[in-house]
Amino acid sequence: MIAKKEEELTESLRSVIDPEIGLNVVELGLVRNLDINEETDAANITMILTTPFCPYGPQIIEQVRMVGSQVMEGGVTVEIGTELWDPSMMEEGAGGDWGLF
Protein backbone atom coordinates (compact mmCIF):
# COMPACT_ATOMS: atom_id res chain seq x y z
CA MET A 1 0.00 0.00 0.00
CA ILE A 2 2.80 2.43 0.85
CA ALA A 3 4.53 1.79 -2.49
CA LYS A 4 1.30 2.63 -4.35
CA LYS A 5 0.81 5.85 -2.35
CA GLU A 6 4.45 6.79 -2.89
CA GLU A 7 4.03 6.28 -6.63
CA GLU A 8 0.81 8.36 -6.68
CA LEU A 9 2.47 11.12 -4.68
CA THR A 10 5.56 11.14 -6.90
CA GLU A 11 3.45 11.29 -10.06
CA SER A 12 1.37 14.17 -8.67
CA LEU A 13 4.55 16.11 -7.84
CA ARG A 14 5.50 15.98 -11.53
CA SER A 15 2.95 18.77 -12.01
CA VAL A 16 5.11 21.16 -9.93
CA ILE A 17 7.36 22.97 -12.40
CA ASP A 18 10.39 25.09 -11.55
CA PRO A 19 9.41 28.20 -13.54
CA GLU A 20 13.01 29.27 -14.20
CA ILE A 21 14.14 25.92 -15.55
CA GLY A 22 10.91 24.57 -17.01
CA LEU A 23 11.31 21.05 -15.57
CA ASN A 24 9.35 19.48 -12.75
CA VAL A 25 10.69 18.90 -9.23
CA VAL A 26 10.86 15.11 -9.75
CA GLU A 27 12.82 15.37 -13.02
CA LEU A 28 15.21 17.81 -11.38
CA GLY A 29 15.80 15.45 -8.46
CA LEU A 30 14.64 18.04 -5.94
CA VAL A 31 12.44 15.53 -4.08
CA ARG A 32 14.98 13.72 -1.93
CA ASN A 33 12.74 11.63 0.35
CA LEU A 34 9.09 10.70 0.81
CA ASP A 35 8.09 9.44 4.24
CA ILE A 36 4.51 8.16 4.25
CA ASN A 37 2.55 7.47 7.42
CA GLU A 38 0.05 4.78 6.48
CA GLU A 39 -2.05 5.22 9.63
CA THR A 40 -2.71 8.93 9.13
CA ASP A 41 -2.40 8.95 5.31
CA ALA A 42 0.04 11.84 5.64
CA ALA A 43 3.46 12.40 4.13
CA ASN A 44 6.62 14.23 4.99
CA ILE A 45 8.54 15.32 1.91
CA THR A 46 12.18 16.29 2.09
CA MET A 47 13.24 18.37 -0.86
CA ILE A 48 15.99 20.73 -1.92
CA LEU A 49 16.08 23.69 -4.27
CA THR A 50 18.36 24.18 -7.25
CA THR A 51 20.04 27.05 -5.41
CA PRO A 52 19.79 28.05 -1.73
CA PHE A 53 18.46 31.47 -2.75
CA CYS A 54 16.06 30.31 -5.45
CA PRO A 55 13.65 33.24 -5.97
CA TYR A 56 10.80 30.78 -6.64
CA GLY A 57 11.62 28.61 -3.61
CA PRO A 58 8.64 29.60 -1.44
CA GLN A 59 6.25 29.19 -4.39
CA ILE A 60 7.65 25.76 -5.31
CA ILE A 61 7.52 24.55 -1.70
CA GLU A 62 3.90 25.68 -1.35
CA GLN A 63 2.94 24.02 -4.64
CA VAL A 64 4.54 20.75 -3.48
CA ARG A 65 2.53 20.98 -0.25
CA MET A 66 -0.74 21.72 -2.05
CA VAL A 67 -0.34 19.11 -4.80
CA GLY A 68 0.79 16.48 -2.29
CA SER A 69 -2.19 17.20 -0.06
CA GLN A 70 -4.51 16.32 -2.93
CA VAL A 71 -3.13 12.76 -2.81
CA MET A 72 -2.55 12.43 0.94
CA GLU A 73 -5.75 12.90 2.94
CA GLY A 74 -3.77 13.50 6.13
CA GLY A 75 -1.82 16.31 4.51
CA VAL A 76 1.80 16.91 3.63
CA THR A 77 4.66 18.63 5.38
CA VAL A 78 7.66 19.81 3.42
CA GLU A 79 11.14 20.04 4.86
CA ILE A 80 14.10 21.58 3.09
CA GLY A 81 17.16 19.35 3.07
CA THR A 82 20.72 20.57 3.38
CA GLU A 83 22.13 18.89 0.24
CA LEU A 84 23.32 21.17 -2.51
CA TRP A 85 21.71 20.40 -5.86
CA ASP A 86 23.76 19.50 -8.89
CA PRO A 87 22.72 18.32 -12.36
CA SER A 88 23.71 14.70 -11.62
CA MET A 89 20.62 14.48 -9.38
CA MET A 90 18.30 14.85 -12.38
CA GLU A 91 16.36 11.89 -13.74
CA GLU A 92 18.11 10.16 -16.59
CA GLY A 93 17.47 12.02 -19.82
CA ALA A 94 15.94 15.09 -18.13
CA GLY A 95 19.00 17.26 -18.81
CA GLY A 96 19.06 16.47 -22.52
CA ASP A 97 17.28 19.67 -23.47
CA TRP A 98 19.98 21.61 -21.66
CA GLY A 99 22.75 19.71 -23.38
CA LEU A 100 23.93 18.47 -19.99
CA PHE A 101 23.86 14.74 -20.71
C-alpha atoms as a PDB file:
ATOM      1  CA  MET A   1       0.000   0.000   0.000  1.00  0.00           C
ATOM      2  CA  ILE A   2       2.795   2.432   0.848  1.00  0.00           C
ATOM      3  CA  ALA A   3       4.528   1.793  -2.486  1.00  0.00           C
ATOM      4  CA  LYS A   4       1.300   2.629  -4.354  1.00  0.00           C
ATOM      5  CA  LYS A   5       0.813   5.846  -2.348  1.00  0.00           C
ATOM      6  CA  GLU A   6       4.450   6.793  -2.886  1.00  0.00           C
ATOM      7  CA  GLU A   7       4.029   6.276  -6.627  1.00  0.00           C
ATOM      8  CA  GLU A   8       0.815   8.356  -6.681  1.00  0.00           C
ATOM      9  CA  LEU A   9       2.466  11.119  -4.683  1.00  0.00           C
ATOM     10  CA  THR A  10       5.555  11.141  -6.905  1.00  0.00           C
ATOM     11  CA  GLU A  11       3.446  11.287 -10.056  1.00  0.00           C
ATOM     12  CA  SER A  12       1.365  14.166  -8.665  1.00  0.00           C
ATOM     13  CA  LEU A  13       4.550  16.111  -7.842  1.00  0.00           C
ATOM     14  CA  ARG A  14       5.502  15.985 -11.528  1.00  0.00           C
ATOM     15  CA  SER A  15       2.947  18.775 -12.012  1.00  0.00           C
ATOM     16  CA  VAL A  16       5.108  21.158  -9.931  1.00  0.00           C
ATOM     17  CA  ILE A  17       7.358  22.970 -12.403  1.00  0.00           C
ATOM     18  CA  ASP A  18      10.393  25.087 -11.546  1.00  0.00           C
ATOM     19  CA  PRO A  19       9.413  28.203 -13.544  1.00  0.00           C
ATOM     20  CA  GLU A  20      13.010  29.274 -14.197  1.00  0.00           C
ATOM     21  CA  ILE A  21      14.142  25.916 -15.545  1.00  0.00           C
ATOM     22  CA  GLY A  22      10.911  24.570 -17.010  1.00  0.00           C
ATOM     23  CA  LEU A  23      11.315  21.050 -15.569  1.00  0.00           C
ATOM     24  CA  ASN A  24       9.346  19.477 -12.748  1.00  0.00           C
ATOM     25  CA  VAL A  25      10.688  18.898  -9.231  1.00  0.00           C
ATOM     26  CA  VAL A  26      10.861  15.114  -9.747  1.00  0.00           C
ATOM     27  CA  GLU A  27      12.816  15.365 -13.017  1.00  0.00           C
ATOM     28  CA  LEU A  28      15.208  17.812 -11.383  1.00  0.00           C
ATOM     29  CA  GLY A  29      15.804  15.452  -8.462  1.00  0.00           C
ATOM     30  CA  LEU A  30      14.642  18.036  -5.938  1.00  0.00           C
ATOM     31  CA  VAL A  31      12.441  15.533  -4.081  1.00  0.00           C
ATOM     32  CA  ARG A  32      14.977  13.723  -1.929  1.00  0.00           C
ATOM     33  CA  ASN A  33      12.736  11.628   0.348  1.00  0.00           C
ATOM     34  CA  LEU A  34       9.086  10.697   0.814  1.00  0.00           C
ATOM     35  CA  ASP A  35       8.086   9.438   4.245  1.00  0.00           C
ATOM     36  CA  ILE A  36       4.507   8.164   4.252  1.00  0.00           C
ATOM     37  CA  ASN A  37       2.551   7.467   7.422  1.00  0.00           C
ATOM     38  CA  GLU A  38       0.049   4.781   6.475  1.00  0.00           C
ATOM     39  CA  GLU A  39      -2.052   5.220   9.634  1.00  0.00           C
ATOM     40  CA  THR A  40      -2.708   8.932   9.134  1.00  0.00           C
ATOM     41  CA  ASP A  41      -2.404   8.952   5.308  1.00  0.00           C
ATOM     42  CA  ALA A  42       0.041  11.843   5.645  1.00  0.00           C
ATOM     43  CA  ALA A  43       3.458  12.396   4.133  1.00  0.00           C
ATOM     44  CA  ASN A  44       6.621  14.230   4.992  1.00  0.00           C
ATOM     45  CA  ILE A  45       8.543  15.317   1.908  1.00  0.00           C
ATOM     46  CA  THR A  46      12.184  16.287   2.088  1.00  0.00           C
ATOM     47  CA  MET A  47      13.243  18.368  -0.859  1.00  0.00           C
ATOM     48  CA  ILE A  48      15.987  20.725  -1.920  1.00  0.00           C
ATOM     49  CA  LEU A  49      16.083  23.691  -4.266  1.00  0.00           C
ATOM     50  CA  THR A  50      18.357  24.180  -7.254  1.00  0.00           C
ATOM     51  CA  THR A  51      20.044  27.052  -5.407  1.00  0.00           C
ATOM     52  CA  PRO A  52      19.789  28.049  -1.726  1.00  0.00           C
ATOM     53  CA  PHE A  53      18.465  31.469  -2.753  1.00  0.00           C
ATOM     54  CA  CYS A  54      16.058  30.312  -5.448  1.00  0.00           C
ATOM     55  CA  PRO A  55      13.650  33.237  -5.966  1.00  0.00           C
ATOM     56  CA  TYR A  56      10.800  30.779  -6.638  1.00  0.00           C
ATOM     57  CA  GLY A  57      11.624  28.609  -3.609  1.00  0.00           C
ATOM     58  CA  PRO A  58       8.643  29.595  -1.438  1.00  0.00           C
ATOM     59  CA  GLN A  59       6.250  29.194  -4.389  1.00  0.00           C
ATOM     60  CA  ILE A  60       7.654  25.763  -5.308  1.00  0.00           C
ATOM     61  CA  ILE A  61       7.520  24.546  -1.699  1.00  0.00           C
ATOM     62  CA  GLU A  62       3.897  25.676  -1.347  1.00  0.00           C
ATOM     63  CA  GLN A  63       2.941  24.020  -4.643  1.00  0.00           C
ATOM     64  CA  VAL A  64       4.542  20.752  -3.477  1.00  0.00           C
ATOM     65  CA  ARG A  65       2.531  20.977  -0.251  1.00  0.00           C
ATOM     66  CA  MET A  66      -0.745  21.723  -2.049  1.00  0.00           C
ATOM     67  CA  VAL A  67      -0.343  19.107  -4.800  1.00  0.00           C
ATOM     68  CA  GLY A  68       0.792  16.483  -2.287  1.00  0.00           C
ATOM     69  CA  SER A  69      -2.188  17.195  -0.056  1.00  0.00           C
ATOM     70  CA  GLN A  70      -4.510  16.321  -2.934  1.00  0.00           C
ATOM     71  CA  VAL A  71      -3.129  12.763  -2.812  1.00  0.00           C
ATOM     72  CA  MET A  72      -2.548  12.430   0.937  1.00  0.00           C
ATOM     73  CA  GLU A  73      -5.749  12.897   2.941  1.00  0.00           C
ATOM     74  CA  GLY A  74      -3.769  13.501   6.131  1.00  0.00           C
ATOM     75  CA  GLY A  75      -1.816  16.308   4.509  1.00  0.00           C
ATOM     76  CA  VAL A  76       1.798  16.906   3.628  1.00  0.00           C
ATOM     77  CA  THR A  77       4.661  18.628   5.384  1.00  0.00           C
ATOM     78  CA  VAL A  78       7.663  19.811   3.415  1.00  0.00           C
ATOM     79  CA  GLU A  79      11.137  20.039   4.859  1.00  0.00           C
ATOM     80  CA  ILE A  80      14.101  21.584   3.093  1.00  0.00           C
ATOM     81  CA  GLY A  81      17.155  19.350   3.075  1.00  0.00           C
ATOM     82  CA  THR A  82      20.716  20.569   3.378  1.00  0.00           C
ATOM     83  CA  GLU A  83      22.129  18.893   0.244  1.00  0.00           C
ATOM     84  CA  LEU A  84      23.316  21.175  -2.515  1.00  0.00           C
ATOM     85  CA  TRP A  85      21.708  20.399  -5.862  1.00  0.00           C
ATOM     86  CA  ASP A  86      23.763  19.502  -8.889  1.00  0.00           C
ATOM     87  CA  PRO A  87      22.721  18.316 -12.359  1.00  0.00           C
ATOM     88  CA  SER A  88      23.714  14.702 -11.620  1.00  0.00           C
ATOM     89  CA  MET A  89      20.616  14.481  -9.378  1.00  0.00           C
ATOM     90  CA  MET A  90      18.297  14.854 -12.380  1.00  0.00           C
ATOM     91  CA  GLU A  91      16.359  11.887 -13.742  1.00  0.00           C
ATOM     92  CA  GLU A  92      18.106  10.161 -16.592  1.00  0.00           C
ATOM     93  CA  GLY A  93      17.466  12.018 -19.818  1.00  0.00           C
ATOM     94  CA  ALA A  94      15.944  15.090 -18.132  1.00  0.00           C
ATOM     95  CA  GLY A  95      19.000  17.257 -18.806  1.00  0.00           C
ATOM     96  CA  GLY A  96      19.060  16.469 -22.523  1.00  0.00           C
ATOM     97  CA  ASP A  97      17.277  19.667 -23.473  1.00  0.00           C
ATOM     98  CA  TRP A  98      19.976  21.611 -21.665  1.00  0.00           C
ATOM     99  CA  GLY A  99      22.749  19.705 -23.383  1.00  0.00           C
ATOM    100  CA  LEU A 100      23.934  18.469 -19.986  1.00  0.00           C
ATOM    101  CA  PHE A 101      23.859  14.745 -20.713  1.00  0.00           C
END
